[in-house]
Amino acid sequence: VVPGAGQRLYALPPAQALPADLRQRWERAEEALYDNPDDPMVNWASEALEQALIAAGLGGVEVVTRTEQSDLLVTASQVERWFTPPQQGGSRYHAHLQAHLTAPEIAEIEGVLRRQVAGQVVPWKRTIALVYGNV
């Protein structure tokens, strides 16, 4: 799965669910998560994967990406995991938002997701990189 080409949480609730300024800063904060040059778990694209495999000696490499969309039931526990700090068993998402938004702003975003997204089936996008090559 190519993390940087996947679903964004800010795209789940209606745009008008938050004040425009907060919505824009949330979008920028989430996008920054995938642009972090120090985080190789999320900052790569399929082209970089192809170059790394070639550099590692895999011959005739071709990376093909495929974007899929499926339905996902967003549960209240999923929203809770997104907004629980990693040291408390949650995700890095919350920790990342803390670098860009205040605690009350994060709580407001979480509240919108709890009220408007939790319990709903949403279209969920992910991009998969398929690697073909010769050893």
C-alpha atoms as a PDB file:
ATOM      1  CA  VAL A   1       0.000   0.000   0.000  1.00  0.00           C
ATOM      2  CA  VAL A   2       1.343   3.438  -0.947  1.00  0.00           C
ATOM      3  CA  PRO A   3       0.592   5.536   2.158  1.00  0.00           C
ATOM      4  CA  GLY A   4       0.910   8.936   0.522  1.00  0.00           C
ATOM      5  CA  ALA A   5      -1.696   8.097  -2.098  1.00  0.00           C
ATOM      6  CA  GLY A   6      -4.296   6.784   0.316  1.00  0.00           C
ATOM      7  CA  GLN A   7      -7.431   8.031   2.001  1.00  0.00           C
ATOM      8  CA  ARG A   8      -7.327  11.259   3.943  1.00  0.00           C
ATOM      9  CA  LEU A   9      -9.395  11.577   7.100  1.00  0.00           C
ATOM     10  CA  TYR A  10     -10.090  15.241   6.441  1.00  0.00           C
ATOM     11  CA  ALA A  11     -11.994  14.192   3.314  1.00  0.00           C
ATOM     12  CA  LEU A  12     -14.531  12.135   5.282  1.00  0.00           C
ATOM     13  CA  PRO A  13     -16.794  14.757   6.927  1.00  0.00           C
ATOM     14  CA  PRO A  14     -18.514  17.465   4.887  1.00  0.00           C
ATOM     15  CA  ALA A  15     -16.273  20.518   4.401  1.00  0.00           C
ATOM     16  CA  GLN A  16     -18.762  22.761   6.166  1.00  0.00           C
ATOM     17  CA  ALA A  17     -18.629  20.616   9.325  1.00  0.00           C
ATOM     18  CA  LEU A  18     -15.711  22.723  10.590  1.00  0.00           C
ATOM     19  CA  PRO A  19     -14.801  26.395  10.330  1.00  0.00           C
ATOM     20  CA  ALA A  20     -13.008  26.934   7.000  1.00  0.00           C
ATOM     21  CA  ASP A  21      -9.734  28.014   8.617  1.00  0.00           C
ATOM     22  CA  LEU A  22      -9.590  24.946  10.864  1.00  0.00           C
ATOM     23  CA  ARG A  23     -10.515  22.664   7.970  1.00  0.00           C
ATOM     24  CA  GLN A  24      -7.658  24.086   5.851  1.00  0.00           C
ATOM     25  CA  ARG A  25      -5.132  23.764   8.657  1.00  0.00           C
ATOM     26  CA  TRP A  26      -6.280  20.166   9.278  1.00  0.00           C
ATOM     27  CA  GLU A  27      -5.771  19.403   5.590  1.00  0.00           C
ATOM     28  CA  ARG A  28      -2.278  20.941   5.622  1.00  0.00           C
ATOM     29  CA  ALA A  29      -1.392  19.056   8.824  1.00  0.00           C
ATOM     30  CA  GLU A  30      -2.522  15.718   7.435  1.00  0.00           C
ATOM     31  CA  GLU A  31      -0.739  16.271   4.117  1.00  0.00           C
ATOM     32  CA  ALA A  32       2.443  17.168   6.029  1.00  0.00           C
ATOM     33  CA  LEU A  33       2.290  13.716   7.615  1.00  0.00           C
ATOM     34  CA  TYR A  34       2.948  12.173   4.198  1.00  0.00           C
ATOM     35  CA  ASP A  35       5.563  14.756   3.184  1.00  0.00           C
ATOM     36  CA  ASN A  36       7.828  14.210   6.192  1.00  0.00           C
ATOM     37  CA  PRO A  37      11.284  13.490   4.735  1.00  0.00           C
ATOM     38  CA  ASP A  38      12.311  11.806   8.009  1.00  0.00           C
ATOM     39  CA  ASP A  39       9.554   9.170   7.951  1.00  0.00           C
ATOM     40  CA  PRO A  40      10.245   6.435   5.385  1.00  0.00           C
ATOM     41  CA  MET A  41       7.098   4.581   6.459  1.00  0.00           C
ATOM     42  CA  VAL A  42       4.880   7.152   4.744  1.00  0.00           C
ATOM     43  CA  ASN A  43       6.946   9.544   2.613  1.00  0.00           C
ATOM     44  CA  TRP A  44       7.585   7.399  -0.431  1.00  0.00           C
ATOM     45  CA  ALA A  45       5.879   7.158  -3.782  1.00  0.00           C
ATOM     46  CA  SER A  46       5.840   4.294  -6.257  1.00  0.00           C
ATOM     47  CA  GLU A  47       8.603   5.931  -8.329  1.00  0.00           C
ATOM     48  CA  ALA A  48      10.911   5.976  -5.299  1.00  0.00           C
ATOM     49  CA  LEU A  49      10.128   2.327  -4.622  1.00  0.00           C
ATOM     50  CA  GLU A  50      11.061   1.431  -8.198  1.00  0.00           C
ATOM     51  CA  GLN A  51      14.359   3.342  -7.955  1.00  0.00           C
ATOM     52  CA  ALA A  52      15.219   1.699  -4.615  1.00  0.00           C
ATOM     53  CA  LEU A  53      14.600  -1.777  -6.027  1.00  0.00           C
ATOM     54  CA  ILE A  54      16.755  -1.067  -9.069  1.00  0.00           C
ATOM     55  CA  ALA A  55      19.504   0.290  -6.791  1.00  0.00           C
ATOM     56  CA  ALA A  56      19.258  -2.917  -4.741  1.00  0.00           C
ATOM     57  CA  GLY A  57      20.018  -4.944  -7.864  1.00  0.00           C
ATOM     58  CA  LEU A  58      16.586  -6.149  -8.896  1.00  0.00           C
ATOM     59  CA  GLY A  59      16.606  -6.179 -12.692  1.00  0.00           C
ATOM     60  CA  GLY A  60      13.820  -5.301 -15.067  1.00  0.00           C
ATOM     61  CA  VAL A  61      11.768  -3.636 -12.366  1.00  0.00           C
ATOM     62  CA  GLU A  62       8.379  -2.201 -13.118  1.00  0.00           C
ATOM     63  CA  VAL A  63       6.074  -0.771 -10.477  1.00  0.00           C
ATOM     64  CA  VAL A  64       2.438  -0.468 -11.407  1.00  0.00           C
ATOM     65  CA  THR A  65      -0.013   1.278  -9.124  1.00  0.00           C
ATOM     66  CA  ARG A  66      -3.678   0.545  -8.799  1.00  0.00           C
ATOM     67  CA  THR A  67      -6.122   2.687  -6.875  1.00  0.00           C
ATOM     68  CA  GLU A  68      -9.009   0.872  -5.290  1.00  0.00           C
ATOM     69  CA  GLN A  69     -12.054   2.115  -3.483  1.00  0.00           C
ATOM     70  CA  SER A  70     -14.077   0.015  -1.108  1.00  0.00           C
ATOM     71  CA  ASP A  71     -16.691   0.642   1.527  1.00  0.00           C
ATOM     72  CA  LEU A  72     -15.469   0.944   5.096  1.00  0.00           C
ATOM     73  CA  LEU A  73     -17.582   1.070   8.226  1.00  0.00           C
ATOM     74  CA  VAL A  74     -15.903   3.655  10.435  1.00  0.00           C
ATOM     75  CA  THR A  75     -16.483   2.571  13.999  1.00  0.00           C
ATOM     76  CA  ALA A  76     -16.340   4.709  17.111  1.00  0.00           C
ATOM     77  CA  SER A  77     -13.376   2.629  18.274  1.00  0.00           C
ATOM     78  CA  GLN A  78     -11.538   3.408  15.024  1.00  0.00           C
ATOM     79  CA  VAL A  79     -12.028   7.141  15.549  1.00  0.00           C
ATOM     80  CA  GLU A  80     -10.810   6.687  19.121  1.00  0.00           C
ATOM     81  CA  ARG A  81      -7.635   4.934  17.885  1.00  0.00           C
ATOM     82  CA  TRP A  82      -6.920   7.759  15.424  1.00  0.00           C
ATOM     83  CA  PHE A  83      -7.140  10.333  18.204  1.00  0.00           C
ATOM     84  CA  THR A  84      -5.447   8.457  21.043  1.00  0.00           C
ATOM     85  CA  PRO A  85      -1.743   9.219  21.502  1.00  0.00           C
ATOM     86  CA  PRO A  86       0.627   6.376  20.535  1.00  0.00           C
ATOM     87  CA  GLN A  87       1.940   6.032  24.076  1.00  0.00           C
ATOM     88  CA  GLN A  88      -1.627   5.144  25.101  1.00  0.00           C
ATOM     89  CA  GLY A  89      -2.037   2.539  22.362  1.00  0.00           C
ATOM     90  CA  GLY A  90      -3.325   4.864  19.653  1.00  0.00           C
ATOM     91  CA  SER A  91      -1.913   5.970  16.337  1.00  0.00           C
ATOM     92  CA  ARG A  92       0.813   8.338  15.255  1.00  0.00           C
ATOM     93  CA  TYR A  93      -1.907  10.411  13.612  1.00  0.00           C
ATOM     94  CA  HIS A  94      -2.787  12.139  16.868  1.00  0.00           C
ATOM     95  CA  ALA A  95       0.848  12.840  17.685  1.00  0.00           C
ATOM     96  CA  HIS A  96       1.347  14.322  14.251  1.00  0.00           C
ATOM     97  CA  LEU A  97      -1.678  16.605  14.560  1.00  0.00           C
ATOM     98  CA  GLN A  98      -0.339  17.890  17.883  1.00  0.00           C
ATOM     99  CA  ALA A  99       2.606  19.413  16.020  1.00  0.00           C
ATOM    100  CA  HIS A 100       0.233  21.499  13.883  1.00  0.00           C
ATOM    101  CA  LEU A 101      -2.980  22.078  15.836  1.00  0.00           C
ATOM    102  CA  THR A 102      -3.983  22.937  19.391  1.00  0.00           C
ATOM    103  CA  ALA A 103      -5.573  20.399  21.722  1.00  0.00           C
ATOM    104  CA  PRO A 104      -9.012  22.098  21.494  1.00  0.00           C
ATOM    105  CA  GLU A 105      -8.799  22.077  17.672  1.00  0.00           C
ATOM    106  CA  ILE A 106      -7.917  18.380  17.640  1.00  0.00           C
ATOM    107  CA  ALA A 107     -10.814  17.703  19.999  1.00  0.00           C
ATOM    108  CA  GLU A 108     -13.147  19.625  17.673  1.00  0.00           C
ATOM    109  CA  ILE A 109     -11.996  17.570  14.677  1.00  0.00           C
ATOM    110  CA  GLU A 110     -12.402  14.335  16.627  1.00  0.00           C
ATOM    111  CA  GLY A 111     -15.882  15.412  17.671  1.00  0.00           C
ATOM    112  CA  VAL A 112     -16.892  16.033  14.064  1.00  0.00           C
ATOM    113  CA  LEU A 113     -15.629  12.601  13.040  1.00  0.00           C
ATOM    114  CA  ARG A 114     -17.453  10.983  15.970  1.00  0.00           C
ATOM    115  CA  ARG A 115     -20.734  12.749  15.179  1.00  0.00           C
ATOM    116  CA  GLN A 116     -20.696  12.694  11.388  1.00  0.00           C
ATOM    117  CA  VAL A 117     -18.525   9.753  10.346  1.00  0.00           C
ATOM    118  CA  ALA A 118     -18.504   7.114  13.110  1.00  0.00           C
ATOM    119  CA  GLY A 119     -21.133   4.497  12.438  1.00  0.00           C
ATOM    120  CA  GLN A 120     -21.203   5.370   8.730  1.00  0.00           C
ATOM    121  CA  VAL A 121     -20.034   3.385   5.743  1.00  0.00           C
ATOM    122  CA  VAL A 122     -17.677   5.608   3.746  1.00  0.00           C
ATOM    123  CA  PRO A 123     -15.817   5.168   0.470  1.00  0.00           C
ATOM    124  CA  TRP A 124     -12.211   4.343   1.401  1.00  0.00           C
ATOM    125  CA  LYS A 125      -9.431   4.829  -1.139  1.00  0.00           C
ATOM    126  CA  ARG A 126      -6.109   3.058  -1.169  1.00  0.00           C
ATOM    127  CA  THR A 127      -3.378   2.750  -3.754  1.00  0.00           C
ATOM    128  CA  ILE A 128      -1.414  -0.441  -4.119  1.00  0.00           C
ATOM    129  CA  ALA A 129       1.985  -0.748  -5.784  1.00  0.00           C
ATOM    130  CA  LEU A 130       2.503  -3.993  -7.671  1.00  0.00           C
ATOM    131  CA  VAL A 131       6.140  -4.810  -8.283  1.00  0.00           C
ATOM    132  CA  TYR A 132       7.300  -6.839 -11.259  1.00  0.00           C
ATOM    133  CA  GLY A 133      10.930  -7.698 -11.867  1.00  0.00           C
ATOM    134  CA  ASN A 134      13.645 -10.248 -12.511  1.00  0.00           C
ATOM    135  CA  VAL A 135      15.978 -11.598  -9.863  1.00  0.00           C
END
